């Protein structure tokens, strides 16, 4: 799998989980993920080397839905992701679009008020995604062992 496609899809997957909170008053099952987020993390490639990545996300939640936008950049990668997800009880589903590389896919999984476990899929690959939130912190882990980009981890904080 192309490293840029994986990284784009991995970050797109993380976008799906960031729930919007325009004024900290969002309501619904994904409301704790809402808001303006920023932070950094790392991309690890197949040979074990890694590099730092910086990210910003602006997300809007409404009822059971979430619309999000994430932008990330490192020395070697740039990503611009958009996503729409829906929560149905503890299950989530949705779509994502990585606009820089033109990659489109789907997302499915489970969610609680503080934890999301999902799989992001596109033609030819899938990525596991774990997102946890606590207070003003949001931690994202994206894994695809054996791929050119094998892992992406991001720690973000809610902005003002």
C-alpha atoms as a PDB file:
ATOM      1  CA  UNK A   1       0.000   0.000   0.000  1.00  0.00           C
ATOM      2  CA  UNK A   2       1.194   3.468  -0.827  1.00  0.00           C
ATOM      3  CA  UNK A   3       2.491   5.221   2.318  1.00  0.00           C
ATOM      4  CA  UNK A   4       0.739   8.465   1.471  1.00  0.00           C
ATOM      5  CA  UNK A   5      -2.605   6.720   0.957  1.00  0.00           C
ATOM      6  CA  UNK A   6      -2.246   4.888   4.287  1.00  0.00           C
ATOM      7  CA  UNK A   7      -1.235   8.003   6.167  1.00  0.00           C
ATOM      8  CA  UNK A   8      -4.059   9.950   4.561  1.00  0.00           C
ATOM      9  CA  UNK A   9      -6.585   7.256   5.401  1.00  0.00           C
ATOM     10  CA  UNK A  10      -5.249   6.861   8.914  1.00  0.00           C
ATOM     11  CA  UNK A  11      -5.576  10.546   9.571  1.00  0.00           C
ATOM     12  CA  UNK A  12      -8.939  10.583   7.860  1.00  0.00           C
ATOM     13  CA  UNK A  13     -10.016   7.902  10.248  1.00  0.00           C
ATOM     14  CA  UNK A  14      -8.960  10.037  13.143  1.00  0.00           C
ATOM     15  CA  UNK A  15     -11.049  12.874  11.760  1.00  0.00           C
ATOM     16  CA  UNK A  16     -14.120  10.729  11.942  1.00  0.00           C
ATOM     17  CA  UNK A  17     -13.731  10.497  15.634  1.00  0.00           C
ATOM     18  CA  UNK A  18     -13.248  14.146  16.489  1.00  0.00           C
ATOM     19  CA  UNK A  19     -16.672  15.382  17.409  1.00  0.00           C
ATOM     20  CA  UNK A  20     -17.516  19.051  16.942  1.00  0.00           C
ATOM     21  CA  UNK A  21     -18.369  21.391  19.750  1.00  0.00           C
ATOM     22  CA  UNK A  22     -18.759  24.861  18.362  1.00  0.00           C
ATOM     23  CA  UNK A  23     -19.510  26.410  21.736  1.00  0.00           C
ATOM     24  CA  UNK A  24     -18.933  23.506  24.136  1.00  0.00           C
ATOM     25  CA  UNK A  25     -22.716  22.986  24.131  1.00  0.00           C
ATOM     26  CA  UNK A  26     -22.955  20.142  21.615  1.00  0.00           C
ATOM     27  CA  UNK A  27     -25.424  17.443  22.551  1.00  0.00           C
ATOM     28  CA  UNK A  28     -25.514  13.794  21.542  1.00  0.00           C
ATOM     29  CA  UNK A  29     -23.576  10.552  21.951  1.00  0.00           C
ATOM     30  CA  UNK A  30     -20.314  11.948  20.508  1.00  0.00           C
ATOM     31  CA  UNK A  31     -20.448  15.392  22.160  1.00  0.00           C
ATOM     32  CA  UNK A  32     -17.308  14.827  24.286  1.00  0.00           C
ATOM     33  CA  UNK A  33     -15.225  14.661  21.104  1.00  0.00           C
ATOM     34  CA  UNK A  34     -16.527  17.990  19.766  1.00  0.00           C
ATOM     35  CA  UNK A  35     -14.563  21.226  19.483  1.00  0.00           C
ATOM     36  CA  UNK A  36     -11.435  22.797  18.117  1.00  0.00           C
ATOM     37  CA  UNK A  37      -8.435  20.528  18.734  1.00  0.00           C
ATOM     38  CA  UNK A  38      -4.720  20.944  18.121  1.00  0.00           C
ATOM     39  CA  UNK A  39      -1.633  18.963  18.967  1.00  0.00           C
ATOM     40  CA  UNK A  40       1.150  16.760  17.721  1.00  0.00           C
ATOM     41  CA  UNK A  41       2.201  13.166  17.405  1.00  0.00           C
ATOM     42  CA  UNK A  42       4.248  10.897  15.206  1.00  0.00           C
ATOM     43  CA  UNK A  43       4.050   8.772  12.097  1.00  0.00           C
ATOM     44  CA  UNK A  44       5.963   5.472  12.270  1.00  0.00           C
ATOM     45  CA  UNK A  45       6.910   3.722   9.039  1.00  0.00           C
ATOM     46  CA  UNK A  46       7.570   0.052   8.291  1.00  0.00           C
ATOM     47  CA  UNK A  47      11.334   0.256   8.970  1.00  0.00           C
ATOM     48  CA  UNK A  48      10.677   1.660  12.464  1.00  0.00           C
ATOM     49  CA  UNK A  49      11.710   5.240  11.776  1.00  0.00           C
ATOM     50  CA  UNK A  50       9.286   8.017  12.666  1.00  0.00           C
ATOM     51  CA  UNK A  51       8.711  11.729  12.299  1.00  0.00           C
ATOM     52  CA  UNK A  52       6.715  14.366  14.152  1.00  0.00           C
ATOM     53  CA  UNK A  53       3.334  15.517  12.848  1.00  0.00           C
ATOM     54  CA  UNK A  54       1.259  18.581  13.828  1.00  0.00           C
ATOM     55  CA  UNK A  55      -2.546  18.596  13.584  1.00  0.00           C
ATOM     56  CA  UNK A  56      -5.609  20.838  13.921  1.00  0.00           C
ATOM     57  CA  UNK A  57      -9.225  19.722  13.854  1.00  0.00           C
ATOM     58  CA  UNK A  58     -12.473  21.692  13.816  1.00  0.00           C
ATOM     59  CA  UNK A  59     -15.554  19.539  14.449  1.00  0.00           C
ATOM     60  CA  UNK A  60     -19.305  20.144  14.682  1.00  0.00           C
ATOM     61  CA  UNK A  61     -21.724  17.755  16.391  1.00  0.00           C
ATOM     62  CA  UNK A  62     -25.474  17.833  16.018  1.00  0.00           C
ATOM     63  CA  UNK A  63     -27.780  15.225  17.489  1.00  0.00           C
ATOM     64  CA  UNK A  64     -26.387  11.817  16.515  1.00  0.00           C
ATOM     65  CA  UNK A  65     -24.166  13.236  13.754  1.00  0.00           C
ATOM     66  CA  UNK A  66     -20.674  14.602  13.508  1.00  0.00           C
ATOM     67  CA  UNK A  67     -18.998  16.650  10.778  1.00  0.00           C
ATOM     68  CA  UNK A  68     -15.263  17.119  11.100  1.00  0.00           C
ATOM     69  CA  UNK A  69     -12.282  18.599   9.373  1.00  0.00           C
ATOM     70  CA  UNK A  70      -8.677  17.704  10.190  1.00  0.00           C
ATOM     71  CA  UNK A  71      -5.434  19.086   8.790  1.00  0.00           C
ATOM     72  CA  UNK A  72      -2.048  17.575   9.617  1.00  0.00           C
ATOM     73  CA  UNK A  73       1.482  18.211   8.411  1.00  0.00           C
ATOM     74  CA  UNK A  74       4.956  16.813   8.947  1.00  0.00           C
ATOM     75  CA  UNK A  75       8.199  17.271   7.061  1.00  0.00           C
ATOM     76  CA  UNK A  76       7.113  14.600   4.543  1.00  0.00           C
ATOM     77  CA  UNK A  77       3.288  14.561   4.659  1.00  0.00           C
ATOM     78  CA  UNK A  78       0.304  16.903   4.435  1.00  0.00           C
ATOM     79  CA  UNK A  79      -3.290  15.784   4.981  1.00  0.00           C
ATOM     80  CA  UNK A  80      -6.672  17.452   4.729  1.00  0.00           C
ATOM     81  CA  UNK A  81      -9.497  15.216   5.887  1.00  0.00           C
ATOM     82  CA  UNK A  82     -13.258  15.635   6.085  1.00  0.00           C
ATOM     83  CA  UNK A  83     -15.776  13.219   7.536  1.00  0.00           C
ATOM     84  CA  UNK A  84     -19.408  12.687   8.455  1.00  0.00           C
ATOM     85  CA  UNK A  85     -20.333  10.043  11.020  1.00  0.00           C
ATOM     86  CA  UNK A  86     -23.532   8.887  12.675  1.00  0.00           C
ATOM     87  CA  UNK A  87     -24.041   7.179  16.011  1.00  0.00           C
ATOM     88  CA  UNK A  88     -26.756   4.562  16.426  1.00  0.00           C
ATOM     89  CA  UNK A  89     -26.679   3.476  20.048  1.00  0.00           C
ATOM     90  CA  UNK A  90     -23.146   2.240  20.681  1.00  0.00           C
ATOM     91  CA  UNK A  91     -22.431   1.729  16.972  1.00  0.00           C
ATOM     92  CA  UNK A  92     -20.939   4.312  14.620  1.00  0.00           C
ATOM     93  CA  UNK A  93     -20.743   4.448  10.840  1.00  0.00           C
ATOM     94  CA  UNK A  94     -19.839   7.036   8.269  1.00  0.00           C
ATOM     95  CA  UNK A  95     -17.717   8.190   5.388  1.00  0.00           C
ATOM     96  CA  UNK A  96     -14.436  10.062   5.057  1.00  0.00           C
ATOM     97  CA  UNK A  97     -12.604  11.912   2.335  1.00  0.00           C
ATOM     98  CA  UNK A  98      -8.900  12.755   2.258  1.00  0.00           C
ATOM     99  CA  UNK A  99      -8.943  15.762  -0.052  1.00  0.00           C
ATOM    100  CA  UNK A 100      -5.187  16.120  -0.606  1.00  0.00           C
ATOM    101  CA  UNK A 101      -4.853  12.668  -2.207  1.00  0.00           C
ATOM    102  CA  UNK A 102      -8.473  12.080  -3.247  1.00  0.00           C
ATOM    103  CA  UNK A 103      -8.993   8.946  -1.137  1.00  0.00           C
ATOM    104  CA  UNK A 104     -12.559   8.047  -0.065  1.00  0.00           C
ATOM    105  CA  UNK A 105     -13.668   5.327   2.346  1.00  0.00           C
ATOM    106  CA  UNK A 106     -16.017   4.198   5.098  1.00  0.00           C
ATOM    107  CA  UNK A 107     -15.840   3.871   8.873  1.00  0.00           C
ATOM    108  CA  UNK A 108     -17.603   1.479  11.264  1.00  0.00           C
ATOM    109  CA  UNK A 109     -17.183   0.585  14.903  1.00  0.00           C
ATOM    110  CA  UNK A 110     -18.350   1.305  18.423  1.00  0.00           C
ATOM    111  CA  UNK A 111     -18.328   4.372  20.660  1.00  0.00           C
ATOM    112  CA  UNK A 112     -18.936   5.387  24.257  1.00  0.00           C
ATOM    113  CA  UNK A 113     -18.864   8.906  25.669  1.00  0.00           C
ATOM    114  CA  UNK A 114     -15.052   8.704  26.006  1.00  0.00           C
ATOM    115  CA  UNK A 115     -13.817   5.936  23.694  1.00  0.00           C
ATOM    116  CA  UNK A 116     -14.081   5.064  20.012  1.00  0.00           C
ATOM    117  CA  UNK A 117     -12.923   1.782  18.472  1.00  0.00           C
ATOM    118  CA  UNK A 118     -13.322   1.661  14.697  1.00  0.00           C
ATOM    119  CA  UNK A 119     -12.128   0.294  11.388  1.00  0.00           C
ATOM    120  CA  UNK A 120     -11.596   2.629   8.449  1.00  0.00           C
ATOM    121  CA  UNK A 121     -11.783   0.932   5.054  1.00  0.00           C
ATOM    122  CA  UNK A 122     -11.068   1.859   1.455  1.00  0.00           C
ATOM    123  CA  UNK A 123     -10.362  -0.228  -1.605  1.00  0.00           C
ATOM    124  CA  UNK A 124      -7.441  -2.524  -0.812  1.00  0.00           C
ATOM    125  CA  UNK A 125      -6.873  -1.810   2.894  1.00  0.00           C
ATOM    126  CA  UNK A 126      -8.262  -1.207   6.362  1.00  0.00           C
ATOM    127  CA  UNK A 127      -6.918   0.609   9.401  1.00  0.00           C
ATOM    128  CA  UNK A 128      -7.737   0.131  13.102  1.00  0.00           C
ATOM    129  CA  UNK A 129      -8.513   3.280  15.047  1.00  0.00           C
ATOM    130  CA  UNK A 130      -8.684   3.954  18.775  1.00  0.00           C
ATOM    131  CA  UNK A 131      -9.641   7.352  20.207  1.00  0.00           C
ATOM    132  CA  UNK A 132      -9.950   8.301  23.854  1.00  0.00           C
ATOM    133  CA  UNK A 133     -10.976  11.602  25.369  1.00  0.00           C
ATOM    134  CA  UNK A 134     -10.684  12.819  28.924  1.00  0.00           C
ATOM    135  CA  UNK A 135     -11.419  16.414  29.853  1.00  0.00           C
ATOM    136  CA  UNK A 136      -9.514  18.608  27.410  1.00  0.00           C
ATOM    137  CA  UNK A 137      -7.294  15.788  26.048  1.00  0.00           C
ATOM    138  CA  UNK A 138      -7.855  13.643  22.962  1.00  0.00           C
ATOM    139  CA  UNK A 139      -5.540  10.716  22.121  1.00  0.00           C
ATOM    140  CA  UNK A 140      -5.659   8.972  18.753  1.00  0.00           C
ATOM    141  CA  UNK A 141      -3.956   5.709  17.787  1.00  0.00           C
ATOM    142  CA  UNK A 142      -4.130   4.418  14.203  1.00  0.00           C
ATOM    143  CA  UNK A 143      -2.508   1.100  13.275  1.00  0.00           C
ATOM    144  CA  UNK A 144      -1.919  -0.865  10.107  1.00  0.00           C
ATOM    145  CA  UNK A 145       0.875  -3.392  10.821  1.00  0.00           C
ATOM    146  CA  UNK A 146       2.870  -4.369   7.748  1.00  0.00           C
ATOM    147  CA  UNK A 147       1.918  -1.258   5.775  1.00  0.00           C
ATOM    148  CA  UNK A 148       4.467   1.342   4.714  1.00  0.00           C
ATOM    149  CA  UNK A 149       3.075   3.651   7.425  1.00  0.00           C
ATOM    150  CA  UNK A 150       2.414   1.254  10.274  1.00  0.00           C
ATOM    151  CA  UNK A 151       1.231   3.603  13.016  1.00  0.00           C
ATOM    152  CA  UNK A 152       0.099   7.159  13.673  1.00  0.00           C
ATOM    153  CA  UNK A 153      -0.324   8.530  17.196  1.00  0.00           C
ATOM    154  CA  UNK A 154      -1.652  12.009  17.959  1.00  0.00           C
ATOM    155  CA  UNK A 155      -2.247  13.813  21.273  1.00  0.00           C
ATOM    156  CA  UNK A 156      -4.444  16.877  21.035  1.00  0.00           C
ATOM    157  CA  UNK A 157      -5.987  19.402  23.400  1.00  0.00           C
ATOM    158  CA  UNK A 158      -9.232  21.304  23.060  1.00  0.00           C
ATOM    159  CA  UNK A 159      -8.661  24.903  22.050  1.00  0.00           C
ATOM    160  CA  UNK A 160     -10.528  28.034  23.030  1.00  0.00           C
END
